[in-house]
Protein backbone atom coordinates (compact mmCIF):
# COMPACT_ATOMS: atom_id res chain seq x y z
CA MET A 1 80.31 50.03 160.71
CA ALA A 2 81.15 52.14 163.95
CA SER A 3 81.55 55.76 163.71
CA PHE A 4 83.56 57.27 166.38
CA LEU A 5 84.09 60.98 167.95
CA GLY A 6 81.03 62.38 166.05
CA THR A 7 78.39 62.36 163.51
CA GLY A 8 77.51 63.02 160.01
CA THR A 9 79.95 65.73 158.57
CA ASN A 10 81.80 66.00 162.00
CA ASN A 11 82.69 62.25 161.75
CA PRO A 12 86.22 62.08 161.41
CA GLY A 13 86.20 58.43 160.80
CA ASP A 14 84.47 54.94 160.53
CA VAL A 15 85.50 51.47 161.89
CA TYR A 16 83.96 48.83 159.63
CA THR A 17 83.18 45.07 160.39
CA THR A 18 86.17 44.29 157.85
CA GLY A 19 88.26 45.87 160.59
CA LYS A 20 88.97 48.39 158.02
CA LEU A 21 89.61 52.23 159.11
CA GLY A 22 88.35 55.10 156.87
CA ILE A 23 89.31 58.64 157.69
CA GLY A 24 87.43 61.06 155.04
CA THR A 25 86.63 57.82 153.00
CA THR A 26 84.97 54.44 152.79
CA PRO A 27 88.20 52.43 153.08
CA SER A 28 89.59 50.04 150.43
CA ALA A 29 92.60 49.33 152.95
CA THR A 30 93.14 48.37 156.21
CA LEU A 31 93.89 52.22 156.89
CA ASP A 32 92.60 54.66 154.25
CA VAL A 33 93.35 58.27 154.69
CA VAL A 34 92.04 61.21 152.25
CA GLY A 35 93.55 64.42 153.08
CA ASN A 36 97.07 65.60 154.54
CA PHE A 37 98.72 63.75 157.22
CA LYS A 38 100.19 65.95 160.10
CA VAL A 39 102.02 65.32 163.32
CA GLY A 40 102.51 68.04 165.66
CA GLY A 41 100.65 70.32 163.39
CA THR A 42 103.29 69.63 160.69
CA GLN A 43 102.43 67.95 157.48
CA ILE A 44 104.05 64.90 156.94
CA VAL A 45 102.48 63.28 153.67
CA ASN A 46 100.05 65.62 151.64
CA GLN A 47 96.76 64.31 149.76
CA ASN A 48 98.67 62.94 147.08
CA GLY A 49 100.72 60.35 149.03
CA PHE A 50 104.03 62.57 148.70
CA LEU A 51 106.64 62.89 151.82
CA THR A 52 106.59 66.52 152.94
CA PRO A 53 109.87 66.70 155.18
CA LYS A 54 110.06 69.74 157.57
CA ILE A 55 112.38 72.53 156.50
CA SER A 56 115.12 72.44 159.04
CA SER A 57 118.61 73.46 160.02
CA ALA A 58 121.07 70.45 160.70
CA ALA A 59 121.55 71.39 164.23
CA GLY A 60 117.62 71.78 164.57
CA ALA A 61 116.89 68.41 163.06
CA THR A 62 116.11 65.19 165.03
CA CYS A 63 118.33 62.13 164.96
CA ASN A 64 116.84 59.54 162.67
CA SER A 65 114.89 61.86 160.62
CA LEU A 66 114.65 63.41 156.75
CA PHE A 67 114.36 67.21 156.68
CA ILE A 68 114.89 69.77 154.15
CA SER A 69 118.12 71.74 154.65
CA SER A 70 117.11 75.43 155.02
CA THR A 71 120.82 76.31 154.29
CA ASP A 72 120.82 74.59 150.49
CA ALA A 73 117.12 73.01 150.47
CA LYS A 74 118.63 69.43 149.56
CA LEU A 75 116.77 66.40 151.33
CA TYR A 76 119.08 65.10 154.06
CA PHE A 77 119.05 62.30 156.55
CA LYS A 78 120.23 63.02 160.02
CA ASP A 79 121.44 59.28 161.64
CA SER A 80 121.50 58.27 165.31
CA SER A 81 125.14 59.88 165.88
CA GLY A 82 123.85 63.40 164.60
CA GLY A 83 125.61 63.11 161.33
CA SER A 84 123.56 64.56 158.43
CA PHE A 85 123.93 63.07 154.79
CA ALA A 86 122.52 64.79 151.43
CA LEU A 87 120.34 61.98 149.56
CA TYR A 88 120.70 63.63 146.30
């Protein structure tokens, strides 16, 4: 096992000789993370594995993304041409 970017309780992850990476846990898969997953400060997946799409207006959402509409609180997909489609 090789630790990186810290030691003890400040160690964010370990790479094992099996090639598995554990962040906050001993890995049982190639990548095993315990905790929330954020990108750019926005939570994308919670600790239970559920997606947590960003709340946005259709105009503010990026193309090829999922978002929760700030207007009607429904889940949408915005395609590459900028069209937004309710998924439920």
